[in-house]
Every structure is written in C-alpha cells, then in structure tokens.
Amino acid sequence: PFPSSGPTVSGSTASLRLGLASAPSHAPLPVKRA
C-alpha cells in the first residue's frame, strides 16, 4: 500500500512546500519511500 514514487528535489535534504515533502534525490530509496 506504500508509494514507490513521489516528488523529489535535488541534493541531500528534503524540502517542504504547502505541506508536501519532496525527497532528496541523493537519498537511498528507503528514505524516499518513507
């Protein structure tokens, strides 16, 4: 039931816009999925 894709942002730090988090592109896949 968990997402396998979503918004990303370049770098190593997540970003937040209007309550929606973008995973950092340099993060491992488990971090992005979380």
PDB file of all heavy atoms in Angstrom:
ATOM      1  N   PRO A   1       0.805  -1.223   0.000  1.00  0.00           N
ATOM      2  CA  PRO A   1       0.000   0.000   0.000  1.00  0.00           C
ATOM      3  C   PRO A   1       0.840   1.276   0.000  1.00  0.00           C
ATOM      4  O   PRO A   1       0.302   2.364  -0.079  1.00  0.00           O
ATOM      5  CB  PRO A   1      -0.784  -0.121   1.310  1.00  0.00           C
ATOM      6  CG  PRO A   1       0.142  -0.876   2.209  1.00  0.00           C
ATOM      7  CD  PRO A   1       0.848  -1.853   1.303  1.00  0.00           C
ATOM      8  N   PHE A   2       2.158   1.124   0.073  1.00  0.00           N
ATOM      9  CA  PHE A   2       3.022   2.282   0.193  1.00  0.00           C
ATOM     10  C   PHE A   2       3.476   2.768  -1.182  1.00  0.00           C
ATOM     11  O   PHE A   2       3.655   1.978  -2.093  1.00  0.00           O
ATOM     12  CB  PHE A   2       4.234   1.936   1.060  1.00  0.00           C
ATOM     13  CG  PHE A   2       3.847   1.367   2.397  1.00  0.00           C
ATOM     14  CD1 PHE A   2       4.075   0.042   2.694  1.00  0.00           C
ATOM     15  CD2 PHE A   2       3.230   2.163   3.345  1.00  0.00           C
ATOM     16  CE1 PHE A   2       3.717  -0.492   3.920  1.00  0.00           C
ATOM     17  CE2 PHE A   2       2.865   1.641   4.580  1.00  0.00           C
ATOM     18  CZ  PHE A   2       3.108   0.312   4.859  1.00  0.00           C
ATOM     19  N   PRO A   3       3.706   4.064  -1.294  1.00  0.00           N
ATOM     20  CA  PRO A   3       4.095   4.612  -2.603  1.00  0.00           C
ATOM     21  C   PRO A   3       5.510   4.198  -2.997  1.00  0.00           C
ATOM     22  O   PRO A   3       6.393   4.062  -2.156  1.00  0.00           O
ATOM     23  CB  PRO A   3       4.015   6.125  -2.380  1.00  0.00           C
ATOM     24  CG  PRO A   3       4.216   6.300  -0.917  1.00  0.00           C
ATOM     25  CD  PRO A   3       3.612   5.087  -0.279  1.00  0.00           C
ATOM     26  N   SER A   4       5.705   3.990  -4.288  1.00  0.00           N
ATOM     27  CA  SER A   4       7.031   3.657  -4.800  1.00  0.00           C
ATOM     28  C   SER A   4       7.648   4.836  -5.546  1.00  0.00           C
ATOM     29  O   SER A   4       8.768   4.750  -6.032  1.00  0.00           O
ATOM     30  CB  SER A   4       6.964   2.431  -5.708  1.00  0.00           C
ATOM     31  OG  SER A   4       6.067   2.667  -6.764  1.00  0.00           O
ATOM     32  N   SER A   5       6.902   5.923  -5.628  1.00  0.00           N
ATOM     33  CA  SER A   5       7.431   7.131  -6.261  1.00  0.00           C
ATOM     34  C   SER A   5       6.738   8.346  -5.656  1.00  0.00           C
ATOM     35  O   SER A   5       5.713   8.226  -4.988  1.00  0.00           O
ATOM     36  CB  SER A   5       7.224   7.095  -7.774  1.00  0.00           C
ATOM     37  OG  SER A   5       5.836   7.097  -8.073  1.00  0.00           O
ATOM     38  N   GLY A   6       7.308   9.499  -5.909  1.00  0.00           N
ATOM     39  CA  GLY A   6       6.754  10.735  -5.384  1.00  0.00           C
ATOM     40  C   GLY A   6       7.652  11.900  -5.746  1.00  0.00           C
ATOM     41  O   GLY A   6       8.624  11.745  -6.494  1.00  0.00           O
ATOM     42  N   PRO A   7       7.373  13.062  -5.185  1.00  0.00           N
ATOM     43  CA  PRO A   7       8.160  14.246  -5.537  1.00  0.00           C
ATOM     44  C   PRO A   7       9.586  14.163  -4.989  1.00  0.00           C
ATOM     45  O   PRO A   7       9.818  13.622  -3.912  1.00  0.00           O
ATOM     46  CB  PRO A   7       7.384  15.392  -4.885  1.00  0.00           C
ATOM     47  CG  PRO A   7       6.595  14.754  -3.790  1.00  0.00           C
ATOM     48  CD  PRO A   7       6.303  13.357  -4.239  1.00  0.00           C
ATOM     49  N   THR A   8      10.527  14.670  -5.779  1.00  0.00           N
ATOM     50  CA  THR A   8      11.922  14.731  -5.348  1.00  0.00           C
ATOM     51  C   THR A   8      12.465  16.136  -5.565  1.00  0.00           C
ATOM     52  O   THR A   8      11.909  16.925  -6.319  1.00  0.00           O
ATOM     53  CB  THR A   8      12.814  13.734  -6.119  1.00  0.00           C
ATOM     54  OG1 THR A   8      12.736  14.031  -7.508  1.00  0.00           O
ATOM     55  CG2 THR A   8      12.407  12.296  -5.858  1.00  0.00           C
ATOM     56  N   VAL A   9      13.569  16.406  -4.895  1.00  0.00           N
ATOM     57  CA  VAL A   9      14.278  17.668  -5.010  1.00  0.00           C
ATOM     58  C   VAL A   9      15.764  17.323  -5.059  1.00  0.00           C
ATOM     59  O   VAL A   9      16.190  16.322  -4.480  1.00  0.00           O
ATOM     60  CB  VAL A   9      13.940  18.616  -3.826  1.00  0.00           C
ATOM     61  CG1 VAL A   9      14.378  18.046  -2.508  1.00  0.00           C
ATOM     62  CG2 VAL A   9      14.481  19.990  -4.041  1.00  0.00           C
ATOM     63  N   SER A  10      16.550  18.096  -5.762  1.00  0.00           N
ATOM     64  CA  SER A  10      17.976  17.786  -5.858  1.00  0.00           C
ATOM     65  C   SER A  10      18.656  17.962  -4.504  1.00  0.00           C
ATOM     66  O   SER A  10      18.193  18.726  -3.654  1.00  0.00           O
ATOM     67  CB  SER A  10      18.651  18.668  -6.910  1.00  0.00           C
ATOM     68  OG  SER A  10      18.582  20.011  -6.523  1.00  0.00           O
ATOM     69  N   GLY A  11      19.730  17.202  -4.293  1.00  0.00           N
ATOM     70  CA  GLY A  11      20.509  17.343  -3.077  1.00  0.00           C
ATOM     71  C   GLY A  11      20.280  16.237  -2.083  1.00  0.00           C
ATOM     72  O   GLY A  11      19.811  15.152  -2.416  1.00  0.00           O
ATOM     73  N   SER A  12      20.620  16.540  -0.812  1.00  0.00           N
ATOM     74  CA  SER A  12      20.577  15.550   0.261  1.00  0.00           C
ATOM     75  C   SER A  12      19.617  15.910   1.390  1.00  0.00           C
ATOM     76  O   SER A  12      19.607  15.246   2.417  1.00  0.00           O
ATOM     77  CB  SER A  12      21.980  15.377   0.850  1.00  0.00           C
ATOM     78  OG  SER A  12      22.853  14.899  -0.132  1.00  0.00           O
ATOM     79  N   THR A  13      18.831  16.968   1.208  1.00  0.00           N
ATOM     80  CA  THR A  13      17.887  17.400   2.234  1.00  0.00           C
ATOM     81  C   THR A  13      16.494  17.496   1.625  1.00  0.00           C
ATOM     82  O   THR A  13      16.323  18.038   0.532  1.00  0.00           O
ATOM     83  CB  THR A  13      18.297  18.770   2.809  1.00  0.00           C
ATOM     84  OG1 THR A  13      19.635  18.679   3.287  1.00  0.00           O
ATOM     85  CG2 THR A  13      17.379  19.185   3.942  1.00  0.00           C
ATOM     86  N   ALA A  14      15.513  16.965   2.345  1.00  0.00           N
ATOM     87  CA  ALA A  14      14.122  17.043   1.890  1.00  0.00           C
ATOM     88  C   ALA A  14      13.645  18.490   1.945  1.00  0.00           C
ATOM     89  O   ALA A  14      14.183  19.306   2.690  1.00  0.00           O
ATOM     90  CB  ALA A  14      13.240  16.160   2.762  1.00  0.00           C
ATOM     91  N   SER A  15      12.639  18.792   1.152  1.00  0.00           N
ATOM     92  CA  SER A  15      12.048  20.129   1.198  1.00  0.00           C
ATOM     93  C   SER A  15      10.549  20.005   1.420  1.00  0.00           C
ATOM     94  O   SER A  15       9.951  18.963   1.155  1.00  0.00           O
ATOM     95  CB  SER A  15      12.340  20.907  -0.081  1.00  0.00           C
ATOM     96  OG  SER A  15      11.609  20.374  -1.167  1.00  0.00           O
ATOM     97  N   LEU A  16       9.969  21.080   1.906  1.00  0.00           N
ATOM     98  CA  LEU A  16       8.546  21.089   2.242  1.00  0.00           C
ATOM     99  C   LEU A  16       7.897  22.292   1.576  1.00  0.00           C
ATOM    100  O   LEU A  16       8.367  23.428   1.715  1.00  0.00           O
ATOM    101  CB  LEU A  16       8.380  21.166   3.762  1.00  0.00           C
ATOM    102  CG  LEU A  16       6.976  21.073   4.316  1.00  0.00           C
ATOM    103  CD1 LEU A  16       6.350  19.726   3.977  1.00  0.00           C
ATOM    104  CD2 LEU A  16       7.006  21.263   5.829  1.00  0.00           C
ATOM    105  N   ARG A  17       6.815  22.026   0.849  1.00  0.00           N
ATOM    106  CA  ARG A  17       6.061  23.105   0.213  1.00  0.00           C
ATOM    107  C   ARG A  17       4.582  22.784   0.320  1.00  0.00           C
ATOM    108  O   ARG A  17       4.136  21.733  -0.146  1.00  0.00           O
ATOM    109  CB  ARG A  17       6.460  23.245  -1.252  1.00  0.00           C
ATOM    110  CG  ARG A  17       5.742  24.382  -1.922  1.00  0.00           C
ATOM    111  CD  ARG A  17       6.451  24.825  -3.164  1.00  0.00           C
ATOM    112  NE  ARG A  17       5.824  26.045  -3.622  1.00  0.00           N
ATOM    113  CZ  ARG A  17       5.308  26.201  -4.813  1.00  0.00           C
ATOM    114  NH1 ARG A  17       5.395  25.238  -5.704  1.00  0.00           N
ATOM    115  NH2 ARG A  17       4.737  27.333  -5.145  1.00  0.00           N
ATOM    116  N   LEU A  18       3.858  23.682   0.982  1.00  0.00           N
ATOM    117  CA  LEU A  18       2.416  23.530   1.174  1.00  0.00           C
ATOM    118  C   LEU A  18       2.067  22.185   1.821  1.00  0.00           C
ATOM    119  O   LEU A  18       1.086  21.547   1.459  1.00  0.00           O
ATOM    120  CB  LEU A  18       1.669  23.717  -0.147  1.00  0.00           C
ATOM    121  CG  LEU A  18       1.889  25.058  -0.863  1.00  0.00           C
ATOM    122  CD1 LEU A  18       1.227  25.059  -2.224  1.00  0.00           C
ATOM    123  CD2 LEU A  18       1.369  26.211  -0.010  1.00  0.00           C
ATOM    124  N   GLY A  19       2.899  21.741   2.759  1.00  0.00           N
ATOM    125  CA  GLY A  19       2.638  20.522   3.498  1.00  0.00           C
ATOM    126  C   GLY A  19       3.095  19.247   2.819  1.00  0.00           C
ATOM    127  O   GLY A  19       3.024  18.173   3.405  1.00  0.00           O
ATOM    128  N   LEU A  20       3.567  19.343   1.571  1.00  0.00           N
ATOM    129  CA  LEU A  20       4.006  18.181   0.815  1.00  0.00           C
ATOM    130  C   LEU A  20       5.529  18.125   0.823  1.00  0.00           C
ATOM    131  O   LEU A  20       6.194  19.092   0.448  1.00  0.00           O
ATOM    132  CB  LEU A  20       3.494  18.263  -0.624  1.00  0.00           C
ATOM    133  CG  LEU A  20       3.788  17.076  -1.522  1.00  0.00           C
ATOM    134  CD1 LEU A  20       2.981  15.860  -1.069  1.00  0.00           C
ATOM    135  CD2 LEU A  20       3.458  17.415  -2.963  1.00  0.00           C
ATOM    136  N   ALA A  21       6.075  17.000   1.257  1.00  0.00           N
ATOM    137  CA  ALA A  21       7.528  16.827   1.324  1.00  0.00           C
ATOM    138  C   ALA A  21       8.043  16.252   0.013  1.00  0.00           C
ATOM    139  O   ALA A  21       7.427  15.359  -0.576  1.00  0.00           O
ATOM    140  CB  ALA A  21       7.892  15.909   2.476  1.00  0.00           C
ATOM    141  N   SER A  22       9.181  16.754  -0.409  1.00  0.00           N
ATOM    142  CA  SER A  22       9.896  16.208  -1.562  1.00  0.00           C
ATOM    143  C   SER A  22      11.149  15.525  -1.048  1.00  0.00           C
ATOM    144  O   SER A  22      11.914  16.108  -0.275  1.00  0.00           O
ATOM    145  CB  SER A  22      10.282  17.311  -2.550  1.00  0.00           C
ATOM    146  OG  SER A  22       9.133  17.871  -3.140  1.00  0.00           O
ATOM    147  N   ALA A  23      11.364  14.299  -1.476  1.00  0.00           N
ATOM    148  CA  ALA A  23      12.518  13.520  -1.036  1.00  0.00           C
ATOM    149  C   ALA A  23      13.770  13.986  -1.768  1.00  0.00           C
ATOM    150  O   ALA A  23      13.711  14.325  -2.956  1.00  0.00           O
ATOM    151  CB  ALA A  23      12.275  12.040  -1.312  1.00  0.00           C
ATOM    152  N   PRO A  24      14.901  14.001  -1.069  1.00  0.00           N
ATOM    153  CA  PRO A  24      16.138  14.390  -1.745  1.00  0.00           C
ATOM    154  C   PRO A  24      16.581  13.333  -2.757  1.00  0.00           C
ATOM    155  O   PRO A  24      16.521  12.136  -2.467  1.00  0.00           O
ATOM    156  CB  PRO A  24      17.146  14.519  -0.604  1.00  0.00           C
ATOM    157  CG  PRO A  24      16.581  13.761   0.528  1.00  0.00           C
ATOM    158  CD  PRO A  24      15.094  13.726   0.342  1.00  0.00           C
ATOM    159  N   SER A  25      17.014  13.766  -3.912  1.00  0.00           N
ATOM    160  CA  SER A  25      17.408  12.834  -4.969  1.00  0.00           C
ATOM    161  C   SER A  25      18.597  11.968  -4.570  1.00  0.00           C
ATOM    162  O   SER A  25      18.737  10.854  -5.051  1.00  0.00           O
ATOM    163  CB  SER A  25      17.715  13.596  -6.266  1.00  0.00           C
ATOM    164  OG  SER A  25      18.768  14.523  -6.046  1.00  0.00           O
ATOM    165  N   HIS A  26      19.454  12.452  -3.676  1.00  0.00           N
ATOM    166  CA  HIS A  26      20.635  11.698  -3.253  1.00  0.00           C
ATOM    167  C   HIS A  26      20.336  10.700  -2.130  1.00  0.00           C
ATOM    168  O   HIS A  26      21.218   9.968  -1.708  1.00  0.00           O
ATOM    169  CB  HIS A  26      21.748  12.651  -2.812  1.00  0.00           C
ATOM    170  CG  HIS A  26      22.339  13.418  -3.943  1.00  0.00           C
ATOM    171  ND1 HIS A  26      21.742  14.548  -4.461  1.00  0.00           N
ATOM    172  CD2 HIS A  26      23.460  13.217  -4.668  1.00  0.00           C
ATOM    173  CE1 HIS A  26      22.474  15.016  -5.442  1.00  0.00           C
ATOM    174  NE2 HIS A  26      23.526  14.229  -5.604  1.00  0.00           N
ATOM    175  N   ALA A  27      19.119  10.659  -1.647  1.00  0.00           N
ATOM    176  CA  ALA A  27      18.760   9.752  -0.552  1.00  0.00           C
ATOM    177  C   ALA A  27      18.586   8.332  -1.065  1.00  0.00           C
ATOM    178  O   ALA A  27      18.158   8.112  -2.203  1.00  0.00           O
ATOM    179  CB  ALA A  27      17.466  10.214   0.111  1.00  0.00           C
ATOM    180  N   PRO A  28      18.861   7.346  -0.221  1.00  0.00           N
ATOM    181  CA  PRO A  28      18.570   5.953  -0.586  1.00  0.00           C
ATOM    182  C   PRO A  28      17.058   5.767  -0.774  1.00  0.00           C
ATOM    183  O   PRO A  28      16.250   6.481  -0.169  1.00  0.00           O
ATOM    184  CB  PRO A  28      19.062   5.147   0.614  1.00  0.00           C
ATOM    185  CG  PRO A  28      19.979   6.055   1.360  1.00  0.00           C
ATOM    186  CD  PRO A  28      19.512   7.449   1.088  1.00  0.00           C
ATOM    187  N   LEU A  29      16.679   4.790  -1.586  1.00  0.00           N
ATOM    188  CA  LEU A  29      15.267   4.547  -1.878  1.00  0.00           C
ATOM    189  C   LEU A  29      14.420   4.357  -0.621  1.00  0.00           C
ATOM    190  O   LEU A  29      13.312   4.905  -0.552  1.00  0.00           O
ATOM    191  CB  LEU A  29      15.098   3.356  -2.826  1.00  0.00           C
ATOM    192  CG  LEU A  29      13.657   3.066  -3.262  1.00  0.00           C
ATOM    193  CD1 LEU A  29      13.021   4.285  -3.950  1.00  0.00           C
ATOM    194  CD2 LEU A  29      13.623   1.854  -4.180  1.00  0.00           C
ATOM    195  N   PRO A  30      14.863   3.626   0.413  1.00  0.00           N
ATOM    196  CA  PRO A  30      14.029   3.507   1.612  1.00  0.00           C
ATOM    197  C   PRO A  30      13.698   4.861   2.252  1.00  0.00           C
ATOM    198  O   PRO A  30      12.595   5.058   2.757  1.00  0.00           O
ATOM    199  CB  PRO A  30      14.872   2.645   2.556  1.00  0.00           C
ATOM    200  CG  PRO A  30      15.747   1.840   1.657  1.00  0.00           C
ATOM    201  CD  PRO A  30      16.064   2.768   0.513  1.00  0.00           C
ATOM    202  N   VAL A  31      14.616   5.797   2.201  1.00  0.00           N
ATOM    203  CA  VAL A  31      14.377   7.136   2.756  1.00  0.00           C
ATOM    204  C   VAL A  31      13.328   7.858   1.920  1.00  0.00           C
ATOM    205  O   VAL A  31      12.393   8.468   2.460  1.00  0.00           O
ATOM    206  CB  VAL A  31      15.695   7.935   2.819  1.00  0.00           C
ATOM    207  CG1 VAL A  31      15.447   9.372   3.256  1.00  0.00           C
ATOM    208  CG2 VAL A  31      16.691   7.244   3.734  1.00  0.00           C
ATOM    209  N   LYS A  32      13.458   7.774   0.619  1.00  0.00           N
ATOM    210  CA  LYS A  32      12.471   8.399  -0.273  1.00  0.00           C
ATOM    211  C   LYS A  32      11.086   7.812  -0.017  1.00  0.00           C
ATOM    212  O   LYS A  32      10.100   8.545   0.099  1.00  0.00           O
ATOM    213  CB  LYS A  32      12.870   8.191  -1.735  1.00  0.00           C
ATOM    214  CG  LYS A  32      14.109   8.940  -2.145  1.00  0.00           C
ATOM    215  CD  LYS A  32      14.484   8.596  -3.583  1.00  0.00           C
ATOM    216  CE  LYS A  32      15.796   9.247  -3.968  1.00  0.00           C
ATOM    217  NZ  LYS A  32      16.225   8.837  -5.305  1.00  0.00           N
ATOM    218  N   ARG A  33      11.013   6.488   0.093  1.00  0.00           N
ATOM    219  CA  ARG A  33       9.714   5.840   0.314  1.00  0.00           C
ATOM    220  C   ARG A  33       9.106   6.244   1.653  1.00  0.00           C
ATOM    221  O   ARG A  33       7.886   6.411   1.760  1.00  0.00           O
ATOM    222  CB  ARG A  33       9.855   4.329   0.214  1.00  0.00           C
ATOM    223  CG  ARG A  33      10.120   3.892  -1.247  1.00  0.00           C
ATOM    224  CD  ARG A  33       9.939   2.444  -1.459  1.00  0.00           C
ATOM    225  NE  ARG A  33       8.525   2.128  -1.243  1.00  0.00           N
ATOM    226  CZ  ARG A  33       7.996   0.942  -1.435  1.00  0.00           C
ATOM    227  NH1 ARG A  33       8.737  -0.049  -1.832  1.00  0.00           N
ATOM    228  NH2 ARG A  33       6.721   0.721  -1.214  1.00  0.00           N
ATOM    229  N   ALA A  34       9.928   6.420   2.677  1.00  0.00           N
ATOM    230  CA  ALA A  34       9.426   6.878   3.978  1.00  0.00           C
ATOM    231  C   ALA A  34       8.823   8.273   3.846  1.00  0.00           C
ATOM    232  O   ALA A  34       7.758   8.561   4.410  1.00  0.00           O
ATOM    233  CB  ALA A  34      10.545   6.864   5.018  1.00  0.00           C
TER     234      ALA A  34
END
